[in-house]
C-alpha atoms as a PDB file:
ATOM      1  CA  MET A   1       0.000   0.000   0.000  1.00  0.00           C
ATOM      2  CA  LEU A   2       1.409   3.276  -1.209  1.00  0.00           C
ATOM      3  CA  ALA A   3       1.921   6.005   1.248  1.00  0.00           C
ATOM      4  CA  ARG A   4      -0.291   9.025   0.760  1.00  0.00           C
ATOM      5  CA  LYS A   5       2.660  11.095  -0.277  1.00  0.00           C
ATOM      6  CA  ASP A   6       3.525   8.676  -3.128  1.00  0.00           C
ATOM      7  CA  ARG A   7       0.078   8.803  -4.793  1.00  0.00           C
ATOM      8  CA  PRO A   8      -0.372  11.067  -8.002  1.00  0.00           C
ATOM      9  CA  PRO A   9      -2.229  14.297  -7.560  1.00  0.00           C
ATOM     10  CA  LEU A  10      -6.050  14.182  -7.932  1.00  0.00           C
ATOM     11  CA  PHE A  11      -6.017  16.620 -10.893  1.00  0.00           C
ATOM     12  CA  ALA A  12      -3.645  14.441 -12.865  1.00  0.00           C
ATOM     13  CA  SER A  13      -5.765  11.359 -12.347  1.00  0.00           C
ATOM     14  CA  ALA A  14      -8.920  13.188 -13.373  1.00  0.00           C
ATOM     15  CA  SER A  15      -7.214  14.422 -16.569  1.00  0.00           C
ATOM     16  CA  VAL A  16      -6.199  10.900 -17.559  1.00  0.00           C
ATOM     17  CA  TYR A  17      -9.742   9.631 -17.051  1.00  0.00           C
ATOM     18  CA  ILE A  18     -11.245  12.492 -19.059  1.00  0.00           C
ATOM     19  CA  VAL A  19      -8.820  12.024 -21.979  1.00  0.00           C
ATOM     20  CA  GLY A  20      -9.562   8.278 -21.983  1.00  0.00           C
ATOM     21  CA  ALA A  21     -13.314   8.876 -21.988  1.00  0.00           C
ATOM     22  CA  LEU A  22     -13.008  11.401 -24.865  1.00  0.00           C
ATOM     23  CA  PHE A  23     -10.919   8.953 -26.881  1.00  0.00           C
ATOM     24  CA  VAL A  24     -13.509   6.214 -26.424  1.00  0.00           C
ATOM     25  CA  CYS A  25     -16.333   8.604 -27.424  1.00  0.00           C
ATOM     26  CA  PHE A  26     -14.471   9.860 -30.513  1.00  0.00           C
ATOM     27  CA  THR A  27     -13.715   6.280 -31.595  1.00  0.00           C
ATOM     28  CA  GLY A  28     -17.407   5.385 -31.278  1.00  0.00           C
ATOM     29  CA  TRP A  29     -18.536   8.530 -33.170  1.00  0.00           C
ATOM     30  CA  ALA A  30     -16.021   7.920 -35.966  1.00  0.00           C
ATOM     31  CA  SER A  31     -17.332   4.383 -36.385  1.00  0.00           C
ATOM     32  CA  PHE A  32     -20.917   5.479 -37.082  1.00  0.00           C
ATOM     33  CA  ALA A  33     -20.904   9.157 -38.228  1.00  0.00           C
ATOM     34  CA  GLU A  34     -20.696  10.316 -41.936  1.00  0.00           C
ATOM     35  CA  VAL A  35     -18.318  13.166 -42.705  1.00  0.00           C
ATOM     36  CA  ASP A  36     -18.990  15.562 -45.646  1.00  0.00           C
ATOM     37  CA  GLU A  37     -15.929  16.566 -47.576  1.00  0.00           C
ATOM     38  CA  ILE A  38     -15.876  19.646 -49.821  1.00  0.00           C
ATOM     39  CA  ALA A  39     -13.278  19.983 -52.553  1.00  0.00           C
ATOM     40  CA  ARG A  40     -13.058  22.730 -55.177  1.00  0.00           C
ATOM     41  CA  GLY A  41     -11.731  22.207 -58.662  1.00  0.00           C
ATOM     42  CA  GLU A  42     -12.405  22.583 -62.376  1.00  0.00           C
ATOM     43  CA  GLY A  43     -14.529  20.023 -64.202  1.00  0.00           C
ATOM     44  CA  LYS A  44     -17.376  19.461 -66.646  1.00  0.00           C
ATOM     45  CA  VAL A  45     -20.600  17.493 -66.643  1.00  0.00           C
ATOM     46  CA  ILE A  46     -20.513  14.364 -68.791  1.00  0.00           C
ATOM     47  CA  PRO A  47     -23.719  12.460 -69.533  1.00  0.00           C
ATOM     48  CA  ALA A  48     -23.757   8.717 -69.284  1.00  0.00           C
ATOM     49  CA  SER A  49     -25.232   8.808 -72.825  1.00  0.00           C
ATOM     50  CA  LYS A  50     -24.035  11.021 -75.678  1.00  0.00           C
ATOM     51  CA  THR A  51     -24.361  14.820 -75.591  1.00  0.00           C
ATOM     52  CA  GLN A  52     -27.056  16.152 -77.924  1.00  0.00           C
ATOM     53  CA  VAL A  53     -25.146  18.014 -80.633  1.00  0.00           C
ATOM     54  CA  ILE A  54     -27.133  20.968 -82.021  1.00  0.00           C
ATOM     55  CA  GLN A  55     -26.420  21.852 -85.657  1.00  0.00           C
ATOM     56  CA  ALA A  56     -27.674  24.578 -87.973  1.00  0.00           C
ATOM     57  CA  SER A  57     -29.790  23.256 -90.837  1.00  0.00           C
ATOM     58  CA  GLU A  58     -29.946  26.591 -92.663  1.00  0.00           C
ATOM     59  CA  PRO A  59     -27.206  29.131 -93.456  1.00  0.00           C
ATOM     60  CA  GLY A  60     -27.562  32.524 -91.859  1.00  0.00           C
ATOM     61  CA  VAL A  61     -26.194  35.342 -89.740  1.00  0.00           C
ATOM     62  CA  VAL A  62     -26.485  34.983 -85.961  1.00  0.00           C
ATOM     63  CA  GLN A  63     -29.110  37.435 -84.746  1.00  0.00           C
ATOM     64  CA  GLU A  64     -29.589  36.291 -81.155  1.00  0.00           C
ATOM     65  CA  ILE A  65     -27.851  33.966 -78.684  1.00  0.00           C
ATOM     66  CA  ALA A  66     -30.454  33.030 -76.086  1.00  0.00           C
ATOM     67  CA  VAL A  67     -28.436  30.791 -73.700  1.00  0.00           C
ATOM     68  CA  GLN A  68     -25.142  30.535 -71.837  1.00  0.00           C
ATOM     69  CA  ILE A  69     -22.952  27.593 -70.944  1.00  0.00           C
ATOM     70  CA  GLY A  70     -24.335  25.845 -67.856  1.00  0.00           C
ATOM     71  CA  GLN A  71     -27.855  27.185 -68.368  1.00  0.00           C
ATOM     72  CA  THR A  72     -30.740  24.742 -67.940  1.00  0.00           C
ATOM     73  CA  VAL A  73     -33.067  24.603 -70.924  1.00  0.00           C
ATOM     74  CA  LYS A  74     -36.343  22.889 -71.701  1.00  0.00           C
ATOM     75  CA  LYS A  75     -37.241  21.072 -74.874  1.00  0.00           C
ATOM     76  CA  ASN A  76     -37.956  23.549 -77.725  1.00  0.00           C
ATOM     77  CA  ASP A  77     -36.311  26.443 -75.863  1.00  0.00           C
ATOM     78  CA  LEU A  78     -34.534  28.860 -78.214  1.00  0.00           C
ATOM     79  CA  ILE A  79     -30.754  28.372 -78.389  1.00  0.00           C
ATOM     80  CA  ILE A  80     -29.728  30.603 -81.312  1.00  0.00           C
ATOM     81  CA  ARG A  81     -31.765  32.655 -83.780  1.00  0.00           C
ATOM     82  CA  LEU A  82     -30.469  33.290 -87.283  1.00  0.00           C
ATOM     83  CA  ASP A  83     -31.468  36.204 -89.470  1.00  0.00           C
ATOM     84  CA  ASN A  84     -34.438  34.949 -91.508  1.00  0.00           C
ATOM     85  CA  SER A  85     -35.169  38.072 -93.569  1.00  0.00           C
ATOM     86  CA  GLY A  86     -34.278  36.332 -96.851  1.00  0.00           C
ATOM     87  CA  ASN A  87     -36.428  33.277 -96.145  1.00  0.00           C
ATOM     88  CA  THR A  88     -39.249  35.450 -94.822  1.00  0.00           C
ATOM     89  CA  SER A  89     -39.160  37.539 -98.004  1.00  0.00           C
ATOM     90  CA  SER A  90     -39.362  34.414-100.170  1.00  0.00           C
ATOM     91  CA  LEU A  91     -42.216  33.093 -98.056  1.00  0.00           C
ATOM     92  CA  GLY A  92     -44.076  36.386 -98.426  1.00  0.00           C
ATOM     93  CA  GLU A  93     -43.683  36.309-102.213  1.00  0.00           C
ATOM     94  CA  GLU A  94     -45.049  32.781-102.408  1.00  0.00           C
ATOM     95  CA  LYS A  95     -48.004  33.674-100.182  1.00  0.00           C
ATOM     96  CA  ALA A  96     -48.766  36.639-102.450  1.00  0.00           C
ATOM     97  CA  LYS A  97     -48.723  34.301-105.453  1.00  0.00           C
ATOM     98  CA  ALA A  98     -51.063  31.934-103.620  1.00  0.00           C
ATOM     99  CA  ARG A  99     -53.529  34.751-102.865  1.00  0.00           C
ATOM    100  CA  ALA A 100     -53.512  35.860-106.506  1.00  0.00           C
ATOM    101  CA  LEU A 101     -54.120  32.302-107.679  1.00  0.00           C
ATOM    102  CA  GLN A 102     -56.925  31.770-105.163  1.00  0.00           C
ATOM    103  CA  ALA A 103     -58.700  34.923-106.369  1.00  0.00           C
ATOM    104  CA  ARG A 104     -58.187  33.865-109.984  1.00  0.00           C
ATOM    105  CA  ILE A 105     -59.594  30.402-109.247  1.00  0.00           C
ATOM    106  CA  ALA A 106     -62.684  31.937-107.620  1.00  0.00           C
ATOM    107  CA  ARG A 107     -63.231  34.151-110.673  1.00  0.00           C
ATOM    108  CA  LEU A 108     -62.715  31.273-113.141  1.00  0.00           C
ATOM    109  CA  GLN A 109     -65.116  29.051-111.207  1.00  0.00           C
ATOM    110  CA  PHE A 110     -67.664  31.859-111.449  1.00  0.00           C
ATOM    111  CA  GLU A 111     -67.108  32.106-115.225  1.00  0.00           C
ATOM    112  CA  GLN A 112     -67.075  28.345-115.726  1.00  0.00           C
ATOM    113  CA  SER A 113     -70.526  28.111-114.159  1.00  0.00           C
ATOM    114  CA  GLY A 114     -71.807  30.201-117.090  1.00  0.00           C
ATOM    115  CA  ASN A 115     -72.590  33.202-114.903  1.00  0.00           C
ATOM    116  CA  VAL A 116     -70.834  36.370-116.078  1.00  0.00           C
ATOM    117  CA  GLU A 117     -73.178  38.927-114.554  1.00  0.00           C
ATOM    118  CA  GLY A 118     -72.436  40.792-111.333  1.00  0.00           C
ATOM    119  CA  ALA A 119     -69.367  40.420-109.077  1.00  0.00           C
ATOM    120  CA  PHE A 120     -67.640  37.124-108.455  1.00  0.00           C
ATOM    121  CA  PRO A 121     -67.348  35.912-104.811  1.00  0.00           C
ATOM    122  CA  CYS A 122     -63.741  36.782-103.920  1.00  0.00           C
ATOM    123  CA  PRO A 123     -62.509  34.886-100.801  1.00  0.00           C
ATOM    124  CA  THR A 124     -63.040  36.876 -97.607  1.00  0.00           C
ATOM    125  CA  GLU A 125     -59.442  36.416 -96.433  1.00  0.00           C
ATOM    126  CA  ILE A 126     -58.088  37.918 -99.650  1.00  0.00           C
ATOM    127  CA  GLN A 127     -60.574  40.800 -99.496  1.00  0.00           C
ATOM    128  CA  THR A 128     -59.207  41.590 -96.038  1.00  0.00           C
ATOM    129  CA  VAL A 129     -55.481  41.121 -96.707  1.00  0.00           C
ATOM    130  CA  ALA A 130     -55.172  42.207-100.340  1.00  0.00           C
ATOM    131  CA  PRO A 131     -58.403  43.791-101.665  1.00  0.00           C
ATOM    132  CA  GLU A 132     -56.589  45.053-104.774  1.00  0.00           C
ATOM    133  CA  ILE A 133     -56.270  41.461-105.989  1.00  0.00           C
ATOM    134  CA  CYS A 134     -60.055  41.074-105.869  1.00  0.00           C
ATOM    135  CA  ASP A 135     -60.467  44.409-107.653  1.00  0.00           C
ATOM    136  CA  ASN A 136     -58.112  43.347-110.453  1.00  0.00           C
ATOM    137  CA  GLU A 137     -59.895  40.038-110.940  1.00  0.00           C
ATOM    138  CA  GLN A 138     -63.262  41.836-111.012  1.00  0.00           C
ATOM    139  CA  LYS A 139     -61.931  44.205-113.690  1.00  0.00           C
ATOM    140  CA  LEU A 140     -60.715  41.227-115.692  1.00  0.00           C
ATOM    141  CA  LEU A 141     -64.127  39.598-115.332  1.00  0.00           C
ATOM    142  CA  VAL A 142     -65.829  42.765-116.610  1.00  0.00           C
ATOM    143  CA  ALA A 143     -63.411  43.008-119.552  1.00  0.00           C
ATOM    144  CA  ARG A 144     -64.007  39.381-120.515  1.00  0.00           C
ATOM    145  CA  ARG A 145     -67.748  39.863-120.137  1.00  0.00           C
ATOM    146  CA  ASP A 146     -67.679  42.979-122.353  1.00  0.00           C
ATOM    147  CA  ASN A 147     -65.648  41.123-124.965  1.00  0.00           C
ATOM    148  CA  PHE A 148     -68.116  38.254-124.834  1.00  0.00           C
ATOM    149  CA  GLU A 149     -71.055  40.598-125.240  1.00  0.00           C
ATOM    150  CA  VAL A 150     -69.429  42.341-128.228  1.00  0.00           C
ATOM    151  CA  LYS A 151     -68.822  39.020-129.959  1.00  0.00           C
ATOM    152  CA  LEU A 152     -72.344  37.895-129.108  1.00  0.00           C
ATOM    153  CA  SER A 153     -73.770  41.122-130.500  1.00  0.00           C
ATOM    154  CA  VAL A 154     -71.868  40.631-133.770  1.00  0.00           C
ATOM    155  CA  LEU A 155     -73.093  37.062-134.111  1.00  0.00           C
ATOM    156  CA  LYS A 156     -76.669  38.042-133.334  1.00  0.00           C
ATOM    157  CA  SER A 157     -76.521  40.868-135.900  1.00  0.00           C
ATOM    158  CA  ARG A 158     -75.259  38.373-138.442  1.00  0.00           C
ATOM    159  CA  LEU A 159     -78.089  36.023-137.515  1.00  0.00           C
ATOM    160  CA  ASP A 160     -80.651  38.821-137.877  1.00  0.00           C
ATOM    161  CA  GLN A 161     -79.223  39.709-141.299  1.00  0.00           C
ATOM    162  CA  ARG A 162     -79.518  36.109-142.448  1.00  0.00           C
ATOM    163  CA  GLU A 163     -83.103  35.976-141.240  1.00  0.00           C
ATOM    164  CA  LYS A 164     -83.916  39.139-143.193  1.00  0.00           C
ATOM    165  CA  GLU A 165     -82.271  37.658-146.279  1.00  0.00           C
ATOM    166  CA  LEU A 166     -84.428  34.558-145.829  1.00  0.00           C
ATOM    167  CA  ASP A 167     -87.567  36.686-145.618  1.00  0.00           C
ATOM    168  CA  GLU A 168     -86.569  38.528-148.802  1.00  0.00           C
ATOM    169  CA  ALA A 169     -85.805  35.250-150.593  1.00  0.00           C
ATOM    170  CA  ASN A 170     -89.167  33.815-149.578  1.00  0.00           C
ATOM    171  CA  ALA A 171     -90.930  36.977-150.747  1.00  0.00           C
ATOM    172  CA  ASN A 172     -89.058  36.881-154.068  1.00  0.00           C
ATOM    173  CA  SER A 173     -89.938  33.212-154.503  1.00  0.00           C
ATOM    174  CA  ASP A 174     -93.613  33.973-153.882  1.00  0.00           C
ATOM    175  CA  ARG A 175     -93.503  36.833-156.380  1.00  0.00           C
ATOM    176  CA  LEU A 176     -91.892  34.658-159.036  1.00  0.00           C
ATOM    177  CA  ALA A 177     -94.375  31.874-158.412  1.00  0.00           C
ATOM    178  CA  LYS A 178     -97.274  34.292-158.909  1.00  0.00           C
ATOM    179  CA  SER A 179     -95.660  35.738-162.026  1.00  0.00           C
ATOM    180  CA  LEU A 180     -95.178  32.251-163.397  1.00  0.00           C
ATOM    181  CA  ALA A 181     -98.811  31.430-162.701  1.00  0.00           C
ATOM    182  CA  VAL A 182     -99.909  34.526-164.664  1.00  0.00           C
ATOM    183  CA  THR A 183     -97.551  33.676-167.512  1.00  0.00           C
ATOM    184  CA  ASP A 184     -98.891  30.137-167.616  1.00  0.00           C
ATOM    185  CA  GLN A 185    -102.408  31.529-167.906  1.00  0.00           C
ATOM    186  CA  GLU A 186    -101.245  33.909-170.645  1.00  0.00           C
ATOM    187  CA  ALA A 187     -99.642  31.002-172.506  1.00  0.00           C
ATOM    188  CA  ALA A 188    -102.857  29.031-172.252  1.00  0.00           C
ATOM    189  CA  LEU A 189    -104.733  31.893-173.905  1.00  0.00           C
ATOM    190  CA  VAL A 190    -102.122  32.686-176.569  1.00  0.00           C
ATOM    191  CA  GLU A 191    -101.596  29.161-177.849  1.00  0.00           C
ATOM    192  CA  PRO A 192    -105.122  28.578-179.262  1.00  0.00           C
ATOM    193  CA  MET A 193    -105.256  32.070-180.718  1.00  0.00           C
ATOM    194  CA  VAL A 194    -101.976  31.471-182.550  1.00  0.00           C
ATOM    195  CA  LYS A 195    -103.334  28.220-183.911  1.00  0.00           C
ATOM    196  CA  LYS A 196    -106.390  30.066-185.227  1.00  0.00           C
ATOM    197  CA  GLY A 197    -104.164  32.755-186.737  1.00  0.00           C
ATOM    198  CA  LEU A 198    -105.547  35.454-184.566  1.00  0.00           C
ATOM    199  CA  MET A 199    -102.143  36.209-183.013  1.00  0.00           C
ATOM    200  CA  ALA A 200     -98.636  36.120-184.376  1.00  0.00           C
ATOM    201  CA  ARG A 201     -96.330  33.218-183.540  1.00  0.00           C
ATOM    202  CA  THR A 202     -93.819  35.684-182.078  1.00  0.00           C
ATOM    203  CA  GLU A 203     -96.230  36.460-179.273  1.00  0.00           C
ATOM    204  CA  GLN A 204     -96.342  32.798-178.298  1.00  0.00           C
ATOM    205  CA  ILE A 205     -92.528  32.678-178.351  1.00  0.00           C
ATOM    206  CA  ARG A 206     -92.368  35.727-176.043  1.00  0.00           C
ATOM    207  CA  VAL A 207     -94.703  34.086-173.535  1.00  0.00           C
ATOM    208  CA  GLU A 208     -92.763  30.832-173.622  1.00  0.00           C
ATOM    209  CA  ARG A 209     -89.537  32.799-173.088  1.00  0.00           C
ATOM    210  CA  GLU A 210     -91.046  34.468-170.039  1.00  0.00           C
ATOM    211  CA  GLN A 211     -92.129  31.077-168.698  1.00  0.00           C
ATOM    212  CA  THR A 212     -88.630  29.693-169.085  1.00  0.00           C
ATOM    213  CA  ASP A 213     -87.071  32.737-167.478  1.00  0.00           C
ATOM    214  CA  LEU A 214     -89.471  32.626-164.537  1.00  0.00           C
ATOM    215  CA  HIS A 215     -88.840  28.905-163.999  1.00  0.00           C
ATOM    216  CA  GLY A 216     -85.097  29.622-163.844  1.00  0.00           C
ATOM    217  CA  GLN A 217     -85.530  32.516-161.436  1.00  0.00           C
ATOM    218  CA  LEU A 218     -87.832  30.463-159.254  1.00  0.00           C
ATOM    219  CA  ALA A 219     -85.293  27.627-159.100  1.00  0.00           C
ATOM    220  CA  LEU A 220     -82.549  30.100-158.229  1.00  0.00           C
ATOM    221  CA  ALA A 221     -84.747  31.598-155.507  1.00  0.00           C
ATOM    222  CA  GLY A 222     -85.231  28.117-154.045  1.00  0.00           C
ATOM    223  CA  GLU A 223     -81.464  27.573-153.905  1.00  0.00           C
ATOM    224  CA  THR A 224     -81.022  30.974-152.284  1.00  0.00           C
ATOM    225  CA  ILE A 225     -83.591  30.062-149.632  1.00  0.00           C
ATOM    226  CA  LYS A 226     -81.737  26.810-148.839  1.00  0.00           C
ATOM    227  CA  LYS A 227     -78.376  28.590-148.554  1.00  0.00           C
ATOM    228  CA  THR A 228     -79.871  31.308-146.367  1.00  0.00           C
ATOM    229  CA  GLN A 229     -81.473  28.727-144.086  1.00  0.00           C
ATOM    230  CA  ALA A 230     -78.096  26.958-143.750  1.00  0.00           C
ATOM    231  CA  ALA A 231     -76.420  30.281-142.940  1.00  0.00           C
ATOM    232  CA  ILE A 232     -79.044  30.958-140.267  1.00  0.00           C
ATOM    233  CA  THR A 233     -78.437  27.536-138.710  1.00  0.00           C
ATOM    234  CA  GLU A 234     -74.675  28.180-138.696  1.00  0.00           C
ATOM    235  CA  ALA A 235     -75.129  31.626-137.143  1.00  0.00           C
ATOM    236  CA  GLN A 236     -77.368  30.177-134.439  1.00  0.00           C
ATOM    237  CA  LEU A 237     -74.747  27.533-133.655  1.00  0.00           C
ATOM    238  CA  GLN A 238     -72.069  30.213-133.413  1.00  0.00           C
ATOM    239  CA  VAL A 239     -74.214  32.129-130.923  1.00  0.00           C
ATOM    240  CA  ASN A 240     -74.699  28.995-128.829  1.00  0.00           C
ATOM    241  CA  GLU A 241     -71.041  27.977-129.080  1.00  0.00           C
ATOM    242  CA  LEU A 242     -69.818  31.383-127.950  1.00  0.00           C
ATOM    243  CA  GLY A 243     -71.202  30.800-124.442  1.00  0.00           C
ATOM    244  CA  LEU A 244     -69.739  27.300-124.369  1.00  0.00           C
ATOM    245  CA  GLN A 245     -66.395  28.630-125.602  1.00  0.00           C
ATOM    246  CA  LEU A 246     -66.261  31.086-122.705  1.00  0.00           C
ATOM    247  CA  GLN A 247     -66.944  28.254-120.248  1.00  0.00           C
ATOM    248  CA  GLN A 248     -64.370  25.969-121.907  1.00  0.00           C
ATOM    249  CA  GLU A 249     -61.689  28.670-121.767  1.00  0.00           C
ATOM    250  CA  ALA A 250     -62.531  29.299-118.104  1.00  0.00           C
ATOM    251  CA  LEU A 251     -62.301  25.555-117.381  1.00  0.00           C
ATOM    252  CA  SER A 252     -58.932  25.276-119.132  1.00  0.00           C
ATOM    253  CA  ASP A 253     -57.557  28.292-117.257  1.00  0.00           C
ATOM    254  CA  LEU A 254     -59.047  26.943-114.016  1.00  0.00           C
ATOM    255  CA  THR A 255     -57.252  23.616-114.431  1.00  0.00           C
ATOM    256  CA  GLN A 256     -53.941  25.394-114.977  1.00  0.00           C
ATOM    257  CA  ALA A 257     -54.503  27.749-112.038  1.00  0.00           C
ATOM    258  CA  LEU A 258     -55.251  24.807-109.703  1.00  0.00           C
ATOM    259  CA  ALA A 259     -52.039  23.101-110.820  1.00  0.00           C
ATOM    260  CA  ASP A 260     -50.053  26.311-110.247  1.00  0.00           C
ATOM    261  CA  LEU A 261     -51.599  26.728-106.790  1.00  0.00           C
ATOM    262  CA  SER A 262     -50.610  23.184-105.860  1.00  0.00           C
ATOM    263  CA  VAL A 263     -46.982  23.958-106.758  1.00  0.00           C
ATOM    264  CA  VAL A 264     -47.079  27.239-104.828  1.00  0.00           C
ATOM    265  CA  ASP A 265     -48.557  25.510-101.751  1.00  0.00           C
ATOM    266  CA  ASP A 266     -45.665  23.027-101.769  1.00  0.00           C
ATOM    267  CA  THR A 267     -43.212  25.913-102.082  1.00  0.00           C
ATOM    268  CA  ILE A 268     -44.881  27.714 -99.161  1.00  0.00           C
ATOM    269  CA  ARG A 269     -44.550  24.623 -96.965  1.00  0.00           C
ATOM    270  CA  GLY A 270     -40.858  24.410 -97.797  1.00  0.00           C
ATOM    271  CA  ALA A 271     -40.315  28.134 -97.199  1.00  0.00           C
ATOM    272  CA  THR A 272     -42.200  27.933 -93.888  1.00  0.00           C
ATOM    273  CA  ASP A 273     -39.940  25.099 -92.753  1.00  0.00           C
ATOM    274  CA  LYS A 274     -36.878  27.157 -93.707  1.00  0.00           C
ATOM    275  CA  VAL A 275     -38.105  30.116 -91.674  1.00  0.00           C
ATOM    276  CA  ALA A 276     -38.821  27.839 -88.692  1.00  0.00           C
ATOM    277  CA  ARG A 277     -35.351  26.264 -88.933  1.00  0.00           C
ATOM    278  CA  THR A 278     -33.665  29.657 -88.510  1.00  0.00           C
ATOM    279  CA  ASP A 279     -34.751  29.393 -84.865  1.00  0.00           C
ATOM    280  CA  ILE A 280     -32.382  26.728 -83.508  1.00  0.00           C
ATOM    281  CA  ARG A 281     -34.061  25.092 -80.499  1.00  0.00           C
ATOM    282  CA  SER A 282     -33.160  22.492 -77.907  1.00  0.00           C
ATOM    283  CA  PRO A 283     -34.401  18.992 -78.778  1.00  0.00           C
ATOM    284  CA  VAL A 284     -34.385  17.847 -75.130  1.00  0.00           C
ATOM    285  CA  ASP A 285     -34.510  19.031 -71.532  1.00  0.00           C
ATOM    286  CA  GLY A 286     -30.940  19.538 -70.442  1.00  0.00           C
ATOM    287  CA  ILE A 287     -27.989  21.743 -69.618  1.00  0.00           C
ATOM    288  CA  VAL A 288     -25.974  23.750 -72.133  1.00  0.00           C
ATOM    289  CA  ASN A 289     -22.574  22.058 -72.002  1.00  0.00           C
ATOM    290  CA  THR A 290     -20.889  23.722 -74.995  1.00  0.00           C
ATOM    291  CA  LEU A 291     -21.648  26.803 -77.052  1.00  0.00           C
ATOM    292  CA  ASP A 292     -19.715  26.935 -80.317  1.00  0.00           C
ATOM    293  CA  VAL A 293     -21.200  30.240 -81.505  1.00  0.00           C
ATOM    294  CA  ASN A 294     -20.501  33.237 -79.313  1.00  0.00           C
ATOM    295  CA  THR A 295     -20.586  36.224 -81.673  1.00  0.00           C
ATOM    296  CA  LEU A 296     -23.613  38.113 -82.910  1.00  0.00           C
ATOM    297  CA  GLY A 297     -23.377  38.694 -86.653  1.00  0.00           C
ATOM    298  CA  ALA A 298     -21.300  35.566 -87.251  1.00  0.00           C
ATOM    299  CA  PHE A 299     -22.221  33.566 -90.348  1.00  0.00           C
ATOM    300  CA  VAL A 300     -23.240  29.966 -89.738  1.00  0.00           C
ATOM    301  CA  GLN A 301     -22.980  27.353 -92.472  1.00  0.00           C
ATOM    302  CA  PRO A 302     -25.506  24.510 -92.831  1.00  0.00           C
ATOM    303  CA  GLY A 303     -24.432  21.589 -90.670  1.00  0.00           C
ATOM    304  CA  ALA A 304     -22.237  23.706 -88.393  1.00  0.00           C
ATOM    305  CA  VAL A 305     -22.299  22.687 -84.708  1.00  0.00           C
ATOM    306  CA  VAL A 306     -23.644  25.537 -82.580  1.00  0.00           C
ATOM    307  CA  ALA A 307     -24.117  23.957 -79.142  1.00  0.00           C
ATOM    308  CA  GLY A 308     -24.101  20.767 -77.073  1.00  0.00           C
ATOM    309  CA  ILE A 309     -26.902  19.899 -74.655  1.00  0.00           C
ATOM    310  CA  VAL A 310     -26.484  17.417 -71.809  1.00  0.00           C
ATOM    311  CA  PRO A 311     -29.856  15.690 -71.303  1.00  0.00           C
ATOM    312  CA  THR A 312     -30.969  16.015 -67.674  1.00  0.00           C
ATOM    313  CA  SER A 313     -33.182  12.965 -68.047  1.00  0.00           C
ATOM    314  CA  GLU A 314     -30.024  10.807 -68.275  1.00  0.00           C
ATOM    315  CA  THR A 315     -27.439   9.866 -65.625  1.00  0.00           C
ATOM    316  CA  LEU A 316     -24.788  12.579 -65.343  1.00  0.00           C
ATOM    317  CA  LEU A 317     -21.095  12.182 -64.502  1.00  0.00           C
ATOM    318  CA  VAL A 318     -18.715  14.925 -63.399  1.00  0.00           C
ATOM    319  CA  GLU A 319     -15.196  14.897 -64.772  1.00  0.00           C
ATOM    320  CA  ALA A 320     -13.017  16.902 -62.341  1.00  0.00           C
ATOM    321  CA  ARG A 321      -9.391  17.973 -62.506  1.00  0.00           C
END
C-alpha cells in the first residue's frame, strides 16, 4: 500500500480519465458518423449517354444567342436565332402568289358556271389582306364579259341579217311563183289564138320565153332560200357555241390555275420550314454544355455545330481535374 505522499495528484488522475473517456467517445462517433468533404476544382458534366449536338440546318447570320454555358433549358427552348429576312421575303412572295391564284380560281369558277353577270365571290381572307387582288380580278371579269357581249352582238346581228335575207328570198320566190302562174295563164290563152291565126307566132314565143325565165328565177330563188337557211343555222350555232367557248376557256384556265396553286402551296410549306429552322431550339430538356457560336453577326454554315446539350433525363457524370 502506497503512502499518501507517493500517490499522483487528484487533478492528474482526473485528466487521464477524461482524456480516456473522450478517446472512447471519438472512436465510437467515428465508427458510425458520416463526414462531408468539400473539394473545389475545375470540371465538366458528362452524360452517361451522348451529348445532344445541335447543328444549324440553314445558313444565316447569328441574330440572337439566347443561352449561356451551364444554363438549364427545356425542350424547344430557343438556343440561337439566325437572321431569316431572306427566307421570310421568299415566303411572303409565295403567299402573295397563292392569294392571286386563289382569287383567280374563284373568278374562273364563277365564269365556268356560265354566270358572267355581277361580281364574283372573292374569298373573304383575300378581301381583307389584299383587296386590290379582288379588284383586279373583277376588272378582268368585266373586260371578258364585255368582250363576250361584243362578240355575241356581232353574231346576233349576223343572224338577224340572215333571217332578213331569208324573208326577202321567200318573198321573191312567192312573187316569181305568182308571175309564173300569170304567164302560164297567158300562154294558155295565146296558144289557141296562134293556132287560129288570130295572133302572131312571135307572141307565143315571147310568152314561152317568159315562162322559161321565170322557172329559172324560181329555181334560183329556191337555192337561195336553202343557202340562207343553212347560214341561219350556222349563225345560231355560233351564238350557242360562244357561251360554251367562254366556259371551256374558263375551265382550261381553271385547271392550270389549280395546278399552279398546288406547286405554290408546296413551295410555301418548304419556305415555312426554312423560316422555322432559322430558330435553332433544344431537342431535349438539359444543360448547355458547350456553345460553339458566341458572336452576334457571325455567319453559320448549314451543318455547323452551334451547341451541345447534356440531357438532364439521363445519368450525369462529373469529370473533375
